[in-house]
Amino acid sequence: MRIRKITSMEAWRLMGFDDEDYLKASKVCCETSLYHQAGNSIVVSVIYNILKELFK
């Protein structure tokens, strides 16, 4: 069984970004930077739901 590395676009999608945002960033950043940016981001919907539960 082979395990493949996800693409930088897939990483951005997992973090909740649109393809349009990825394409804009890919014009000015290298592939490694795109992975780093996705890894350093926060999924807004997850944080929203966590805070919503905390303040109930």
Protein backbone atom coordinates (compact mmCIF):
# COMPACT_ATOMS: atom_id res chain seq x y z
CA MET A 1 0.00 0.00 0.00
CA ARG A 2 1.37 3.39 -0.98
CA ILE A 3 0.63 6.51 0.99
CA ARG A 4 0.76 9.71 -0.99
CA LYS A 5 1.51 13.18 0.28
CA ILE A 6 -1.40 15.60 -0.07
CA THR A 7 -0.92 18.45 -2.48
CA SER A 8 -0.65 22.00 -1.27
CA MET A 9 -4.06 22.74 -2.82
CA GLU A 10 -5.60 19.86 -0.84
CA ALA A 11 -3.98 21.22 2.33
CA TRP A 12 -5.53 24.62 1.69
CA ARG A 13 -8.93 23.03 1.06
CA LEU A 14 -8.71 21.10 4.34
CA MET A 15 -8.05 24.37 6.14
CA GLY A 16 -11.20 25.93 4.66
CA PHE A 17 -9.74 28.12 1.93
CA ASP A 18 -11.24 28.54 -1.52
CA ASP A 19 -9.39 27.44 -4.65
CA GLU A 20 -9.35 31.09 -5.73
CA ASP A 21 -7.36 32.03 -2.60
CA TYR A 22 -4.92 29.21 -3.28
CA LEU A 23 -4.41 30.25 -6.90
CA LYS A 24 -3.69 33.85 -5.87
CA ALA A 25 -1.13 32.71 -3.30
CA SER A 26 0.48 30.20 -5.66
CA LYS A 27 1.35 33.01 -8.07
CA VAL A 28 3.64 34.67 -5.52
CA CYS A 29 4.76 31.80 -3.23
CA CYS A 30 6.74 28.63 -3.73
CA GLU A 31 5.23 25.20 -3.02
CA THR A 32 6.96 24.87 0.35
CA SER A 33 5.59 28.21 1.52
CA LEU A 34 2.09 27.17 0.51
CA TYR A 35 2.35 24.08 2.74
CA HIS A 36 3.66 26.21 5.62
CA GLN A 37 0.86 28.74 5.23
CA ALA A 38 -1.78 26.02 5.30
CA GLY A 39 -0.16 24.44 8.34
CA ASN A 40 -0.01 27.72 10.22
CA SER A 41 -3.62 28.65 9.55
CA ILE A 42 -6.63 28.08 11.79
CA VAL A 43 -9.93 26.64 10.59
CA VAL A 44 -12.38 29.42 11.42
CA SER A 45 -15.44 27.17 11.65
CA VAL A 46 -13.74 24.93 14.22
CA ILE A 47 -12.70 27.86 16.42
CA TYR A 48 -16.19 29.35 16.11
CA ASN A 49 -17.85 26.14 17.29
CA ILE A 50 -15.38 25.67 20.16
CA LEU A 51 -15.99 29.22 21.41
CA LYS A 52 -19.75 28.83 20.98
CA GLU A 53 -19.68 25.76 23.24
CA LEU A 54 -17.48 27.50 25.81
CA PHE A 55 -19.80 30.48 26.14
CA LYS A 56 -23.06 28.51 26.45
